[in-house]
Amino acid sequence: MDNVLTVDVEDWYQTSDFDFPISTWCTFPDRVVDNTLRLLDLFDQYQHKGTFFVLGCVAQEHPQLVREIAARGHEVASHGGWHQMWTRMTLEEIAADARWSKDLLEQLAGCAVQAFRAPSWSLSPQNVRALQALEEVGYRVDSSLQPFRTPLSGFPQAPTEPFHPVIGGVRLELVEVPSTVIRRGPLRIPFAGGLYLRVWPTAILRRLVAWHNQTAPAMVYVHPWEVDPRQPRLPCSPLVRFAHYHGLQRTEDRLHALLAASRFIRLCDWVATHSFPDVSIGGRQDSTASAGN
């Protein structure tokens, strides 16, 4: 079974773990290019293609990186402009951010940008109408939903498999692809990306992917900074230290094991060959998102 390979292209200091003001980003060492090239070389080794959700500010600073991703046959997608969580943005801000990053990435990659992922999976029950804004801007696929709760975000009542959202009675052509989980009764157990990829032992990761593949593909996600154990270590809370730094030295080994055991393709290619159910996820037609929701 084909699985889906995705990368959220952001630098180590741009994550929601640290939540640094954008005005301070220029004070930190930039490591995103070398780390992204490291992932590109790894994927080439196994001849897999993936989807790279690139921050607009990274693309603006490093346009050749976007061109390199596209030249190697990967899908260029948007991760928004400045890694601002949707829960802190109005609908108008979300739409403007998604449009700006799409236009920029299309100019650099020379092809249509069809997929979007919100920073830190920040689609929530309070901002589902942002998906309508994405469709209006021209996106056809979104992958911003974590169907479980985290300290940063989460949508625990949402579907765990891809679907066409129905919001306020309006069906979207856009397909929502949630992060991959294993369901055990009421439990939803993440394993396929980020910290979860670094925590689970390799043998268990491979079994979980194989088990999930009995019924559906898995979507793996990783960040360039997760293959960079030499990145700066900053003072932070125990929770942030664990979420951001734990297991960085193991990420590349985990990826080697998964890439060797399964076939991975781009998100756009997988979506194009499947059909999906319509699922209502609420959202009154006259409701609005507001900053702080």
Protein backbone atom coordinates (compact mmCIF):
# COMPACT_ATOMS: atom_id res chain seq x y z
CA MET A 1 0.00 0.00 0.00
CA ASP A 2 1.18 3.51 -0.81
CA ASN A 3 1.74 5.72 2.21
CA VAL A 4 2.08 9.50 2.23
CA LEU A 5 5.31 11.34 3.07
CA THR A 6 5.17 14.96 4.25
CA VAL A 7 7.62 17.55 5.56
CA ASP A 8 6.79 20.80 7.37
CA VAL A 9 9.58 23.12 6.21
CA GLU A 10 10.26 25.46 9.11
CA ASP A 11 13.44 26.29 11.01
CA TRP A 12 14.08 25.20 14.59
CA TYR A 13 13.35 28.62 16.13
CA GLN A 14 10.11 29.13 14.18
CA THR A 15 8.18 26.36 15.93
CA SER A 16 5.26 26.90 18.27
CA ASP A 17 7.30 25.09 20.95
CA PHE A 18 9.28 28.27 21.61
CA ASP A 19 6.73 30.82 20.36
CA PHE A 20 9.38 33.48 19.77
CA PRO A 21 8.14 36.81 18.36
CA ILE A 22 8.83 37.08 14.64
CA SER A 23 10.87 40.21 15.31
CA THR A 24 13.46 38.08 17.14
CA TRP A 25 13.92 35.42 14.44
CA CYS A 26 16.82 37.30 12.84
CA THR A 27 18.86 36.73 16.02
CA PHE A 28 18.92 32.93 15.64
CA PRO A 29 21.17 30.86 13.34
CA ASP A 30 19.42 29.67 10.19
CA ARG A 31 19.67 25.89 9.68
CA VAL A 32 16.64 25.09 7.51
CA VAL A 33 18.38 24.79 4.13
CA ASP A 34 21.00 22.21 5.14
CA ASN A 35 18.46 20.17 7.09
CA THR A 36 15.91 20.18 4.25
CA LEU A 37 18.60 19.13 1.76
CA ARG A 38 19.47 16.30 4.14
CA LEU A 39 15.88 15.07 3.95
CA LEU A 40 15.81 15.44 0.17
CA ASP A 41 18.94 13.29 -0.11
CA LEU A 42 17.44 10.69 2.22
CA PHE A 43 14.25 10.48 0.16
CA ASP A 44 16.31 10.22 -3.04
CA GLN A 45 18.20 7.29 -1.54
CA TYR A 46 14.95 5.31 -1.30
CA GLN A 47 13.40 6.85 -4.42
CA HIS A 48 10.35 8.15 -2.57
CA LYS A 49 8.49 11.38 -3.30
CA GLY A 50 6.81 13.55 -0.72
CA THR A 51 4.91 16.75 -0.06
CA PHE A 52 6.85 19.68 1.41
CA PHE A 53 4.70 22.20 3.29
CA VAL A 54 6.94 25.27 3.05
CA LEU A 55 6.59 28.39 5.16
CA GLY A 56 6.24 31.50 3.02
CA CYS A 57 8.93 33.31 5.03
CA VAL A 58 11.35 30.42 4.42
CA ALA A 59 10.55 30.51 0.70
CA GLN A 60 11.08 34.27 0.63
CA GLU A 61 14.47 33.96 2.32
CA HIS A 62 15.60 30.84 0.45
CA PRO A 63 13.90 30.75 -2.98
CA GLN A 64 16.40 28.26 -4.38
CA LEU A 65 15.33 25.72 -1.75
CA VAL A 66 11.78 25.77 -3.11
CA ARG A 67 13.10 25.32 -6.64
CA GLU A 68 15.24 22.40 -5.47
CA ILE A 69 12.28 20.66 -3.84
CA ALA A 70 10.26 20.99 -7.04
CA ALA A 71 13.19 19.98 -9.28
CA ARG A 72 13.57 16.72 -7.38
CA GLY A 73 9.96 15.82 -8.13
CA HIS A 74 8.35 16.55 -4.79
CA GLU A 75 5.11 18.42 -4.24
CA VAL A 76 5.47 22.02 -3.05
CA ALA A 77 2.67 22.93 -0.64
CA SER A 78 2.02 25.78 1.81
CA HIS A 79 2.56 25.87 5.56
CA GLY A 80 1.26 29.42 5.75
CA GLY A 81 3.33 32.56 5.85
CA TRP A 82 4.90 33.02 9.28
CA HIS A 83 3.96 29.96 11.35
CA GLN A 84 1.18 31.74 13.17
CA MET A 85 -1.39 29.39 14.70
CA TRP A 86 -4.89 29.66 13.29
CA THR A 87 -6.28 29.93 16.82
CA ARG A 88 -4.70 33.39 17.01
CA MET A 89 -5.88 34.63 13.62
CA THR A 90 -9.11 35.97 12.16
CA LEU A 91 -10.63 34.35 9.09
CA GLU A 92 -9.52 37.34 7.04
CA GLU A 93 -5.95 36.96 8.28
CA ILE A 94 -5.97 33.22 7.54
CA ALA A 95 -7.22 33.82 3.99
CA ALA A 96 -4.68 36.57 3.29
CA ASP A 97 -1.84 34.48 4.71
CA ALA A 98 -2.84 31.42 2.67
CA ARG A 99 -3.18 33.47 -0.52
CA TRP A 100 0.19 35.21 -0.08
CA SER A 101 2.10 32.00 0.58
CA LYS A 102 0.36 30.21 -2.32
CA ASP A 103 1.20 32.97 -4.80
CA LEU A 104 4.83 33.13 -3.67
CA LEU A 105 5.37 29.36 -3.77
CA GLU A 106 3.76 29.05 -7.20
CA GLN A 107 6.05 31.74 -8.59
CA LEU A 108 9.11 29.96 -7.23
CA ALA A 109 8.14 26.36 -7.97
CA GLY A 110 6.60 27.06 -11.37
CA CYS A 111 3.58 24.88 -10.67
CA ALA A 112 0.24 24.99 -8.90
CA VAL A 113 0.23 24.76 -5.11
CA GLN A 114 -2.79 22.70 -4.12
CA ALA A 115 -2.20 21.63 -0.50
CA PHE A 116 -2.01 23.48 2.81
CA ARG A 117 -1.12 22.60 6.39
CA ALA A 118 -1.79 25.02 9.24
CA PRO A 119 1.07 25.63 11.66
CA SER A 120 0.98 23.17 14.58
CA TRP A 121 -2.13 21.44 13.17
CA SER A 122 -4.18 24.34 14.51
CA LEU A 123 -7.52 23.53 12.86
CA SER A 124 -10.04 23.48 15.71
CA PRO A 125 -13.82 23.30 16.21
CA GLN A 126 -13.79 27.10 16.56
CA ASN A 127 -12.13 27.88 13.21
CA VAL A 128 -13.44 25.24 10.77
CA ARG A 129 -14.66 27.97 8.42
CA ALA A 130 -11.01 28.57 7.61
CA LEU A 131 -11.34 25.53 5.34
CA GLN A 132 -13.89 27.45 3.25
CA ALA A 133 -11.39 30.31 3.02
CA LEU A 134 -8.71 27.87 1.79
CA GLU A 135 -11.02 26.54 -0.90
CA GLU A 136 -11.89 30.06 -2.03
CA VAL A 137 -8.18 30.88 -2.32
CA GLY A 138 -7.67 27.83 -4.54
CA TYR A 139 -6.43 24.99 -2.35
CA ARG A 140 -7.78 21.51 -3.01
CA VAL A 141 -6.27 19.60 -0.07
CA ASP A 142 -5.77 20.52 3.56
CA SER A 143 -3.93 18.60 6.26
CA SER A 144 -4.35 20.71 9.38
CA LEU A 145 -6.32 18.41 11.64
CA GLN A 146 -5.05 16.35 14.56
CA PRO A 147 -7.94 14.16 15.73
CA PHE A 148 -6.76 14.20 19.36
CA ARG A 149 -5.86 16.79 21.97
CA THR A 150 -2.36 18.20 22.45
CA PRO A 151 -1.06 21.07 24.62
CA LEU A 152 -1.05 23.26 21.49
CA SER A 153 -4.10 22.18 19.51
CA GLY A 154 -6.36 19.29 18.57
CA PHE A 155 -9.82 18.32 17.34
CA PRO A 156 -10.62 15.13 19.28
CA GLN A 157 -14.14 14.61 17.91
CA ALA A 158 -13.09 14.91 14.27
CA PRO A 159 -12.85 12.00 11.80
CA THR A 160 -9.59 10.09 11.69
CA GLU A 161 -9.70 9.35 7.94
CA PRO A 162 -9.75 11.82 5.00
CA PHE A 163 -13.08 13.44 4.13
CA HIS A 164 -14.86 16.29 2.37
CA PRO A 165 -15.87 18.76 5.11
CA VAL A 166 -19.49 19.87 5.29
CA ILE A 167 -19.61 23.18 7.16
CA GLY A 168 -22.87 24.91 7.96
CA GLY A 169 -24.57 22.65 5.42
CA VAL A 170 -22.07 23.52 2.66
CA ARG A 171 -20.01 20.68 1.18
CA LEU A 172 -16.44 21.54 0.22
CA GLU A 173 -14.61 20.03 -2.74
CA LEU A 174 -11.48 20.42 -0.64
CA VAL A 175 -10.31 17.18 1.02
CA GLU A 176 -9.22 17.25 4.66
CA VAL A 177 -6.49 14.69 5.51
CA PRO A 178 -6.04 14.28 9.29
CA SER A 179 -2.79 13.16 10.89
CA THR A 180 -2.57 9.39 11.23
CA VAL A 181 -3.64 7.64 14.43
CA ILE A 182 -4.30 4.10 15.60
CA ARG A 183 -7.78 3.70 17.07
CA ARG A 184 -8.20 1.42 20.09
CA GLY A 185 -11.70 1.78 21.46
CA PRO A 186 -12.04 5.42 22.54
CA LEU A 187 -8.28 5.97 22.28
CA ARG A 188 -6.61 7.72 19.35
CA ILE A 189 -2.90 6.95 19.41
CA PRO A 190 -0.55 9.08 17.24
CA PHE A 191 2.68 7.55 15.98
CA ALA A 192 3.51 8.72 12.47
CA GLY A 193 5.26 12.04 12.90
CA GLY A 194 6.93 14.68 15.00
CA LEU A 195 7.57 13.78 18.63
CA TYR A 196 5.56 10.57 18.24
CA LEU A 197 7.94 9.37 15.52
CA ARG A 198 10.86 10.04 17.86
CA VAL A 199 9.30 8.37 20.93
CA TRP A 200 8.13 5.04 19.53
CA PRO A 201 10.85 2.35 19.10
CA THR A 202 11.66 1.55 15.48
CA ALA A 203 10.30 -1.99 15.54
CA ILE A 204 6.99 -0.80 16.98
CA LEU A 205 6.77 2.04 14.44
CA ARG A 206 7.10 -0.41 11.57
CA ARG A 207 4.44 -2.66 13.09
CA LEU A 208 2.08 0.25 13.61
CA VAL A 209 2.44 1.35 9.98
CA ALA A 210 1.89 -2.23 8.78
CA TRP A 211 -1.12 -2.61 11.07
CA HIS A 212 -2.61 0.67 9.86
CA ASN A 213 -2.01 -0.39 6.26
CA GLN A 214 -4.44 -3.27 6.69
CA THR A 215 -7.21 -0.72 6.21
CA ALA A 216 -5.68 2.63 5.21
CA PRO A 217 -2.41 4.39 4.30
CA ALA A 218 -0.36 6.16 6.91
CA MET A 219 0.78 9.76 6.55
CA VAL A 220 4.25 10.36 7.97
CA TYR A 221 5.36 13.90 8.79
CA VAL A 222 8.67 15.32 9.90
CA HIS A 223 10.37 18.72 10.28
CA PRO A 224 13.86 19.51 8.97
CA TRP A 225 15.01 20.48 12.47
CA GLU A 226 14.16 16.97 13.68
CA VAL A 227 17.17 15.53 11.82
CA ASP A 228 19.46 18.11 13.44
CA PRO A 229 20.56 17.00 16.93
CA ARG A 230 23.28 19.70 16.92
CA GLN A 231 20.83 22.59 16.81
CA PRO A 232 21.13 25.15 19.65
CA ARG A 233 19.80 24.07 23.03
CA LEU A 234 17.83 26.81 24.70
CA PRO A 235 16.55 27.10 28.26
CA CYS A 236 12.86 26.16 28.31
CA SER A 237 10.22 24.37 30.35
CA PRO A 238 10.49 20.59 30.86
CA LEU A 239 7.49 20.07 28.55
CA VAL A 240 9.00 22.11 25.71
CA ARG A 241 12.40 20.49 26.24
CA PHE A 242 10.83 17.06 25.85
CA ALA A 243 8.58 17.97 22.90
CA HIS A 244 11.29 19.72 20.91
CA TYR A 245 14.58 18.03 21.79
CA HIS A 246 13.74 14.47 22.83
CA GLY A 247 15.01 11.83 20.44
CA LEU A 248 16.47 14.14 17.77
CA GLN A 249 19.45 11.83 17.42
CA ARG A 250 17.07 8.98 16.47
CA THR A 251 14.88 10.69 13.87
CA GLU A 252 17.01 9.81 10.86
CA ASP A 253 17.24 6.14 11.88
CA ARG A 254 13.45 6.03 12.27
CA LEU A 255 13.03 7.48 8.79
CA HIS A 256 15.49 5.02 7.28
CA ALA A 257 13.50 2.15 8.76
CA LEU A 258 10.14 3.43 7.50
CA LEU A 259 11.39 4.40 4.05
CA ALA A 260 13.01 0.99 3.59
CA ALA A 261 9.88 -0.90 4.64
CA SER A 262 7.12 0.95 2.75
CA ARG A 263 6.44 2.90 -0.42
CA PHE A 264 5.73 6.61 -0.01
CA ILE A 265 4.16 9.06 -2.45
CA ARG A 266 3.11 12.70 -2.60
CA LEU A 267 -0.12 13.76 -0.91
CA CYS A 268 -1.58 15.21 -4.12
CA ASP A 269 -1.03 11.91 -5.98
CA TRP A 270 -2.70 9.88 -3.26
CA VAL A 271 -5.73 12.20 -3.03
CA ALA A 272 -6.16 12.20 -6.81
CA THR A 273 -6.67 8.42 -6.88
CA HIS A 274 -9.19 8.06 -4.05
CA SER A 275 -12.72 9.13 -3.17
CA PHE A 276 -13.79 10.39 0.22
CA PRO A 277 -16.99 10.63 2.26
CA ASP A 278 -18.75 13.87 3.14
CA VAL A 279 -18.60 14.59 6.89
CA SER A 280 -20.25 17.44 8.75
CA ILE A 281 -17.88 19.15 11.15
CA GLY A 282 -20.21 21.94 12.23
CA GLY A 283 -19.71 25.63 11.73
CA ARG A 284 -22.69 27.96 11.49
CA GLN A 285 -22.81 29.86 8.21
CA ASP A 286 -23.06 33.14 10.07
CA SER A 287 -20.30 32.33 12.58
CA THR A 288 -16.89 33.99 12.46
CA ALA A 289 -13.49 33.18 13.84
CA SER A 290 -11.77 35.85 15.84
CA ALA A 291 -8.32 36.40 17.20
CA GLY A 292 -7.79 34.33 20.32
CA ASN A 293 -10.42 31.67 19.50
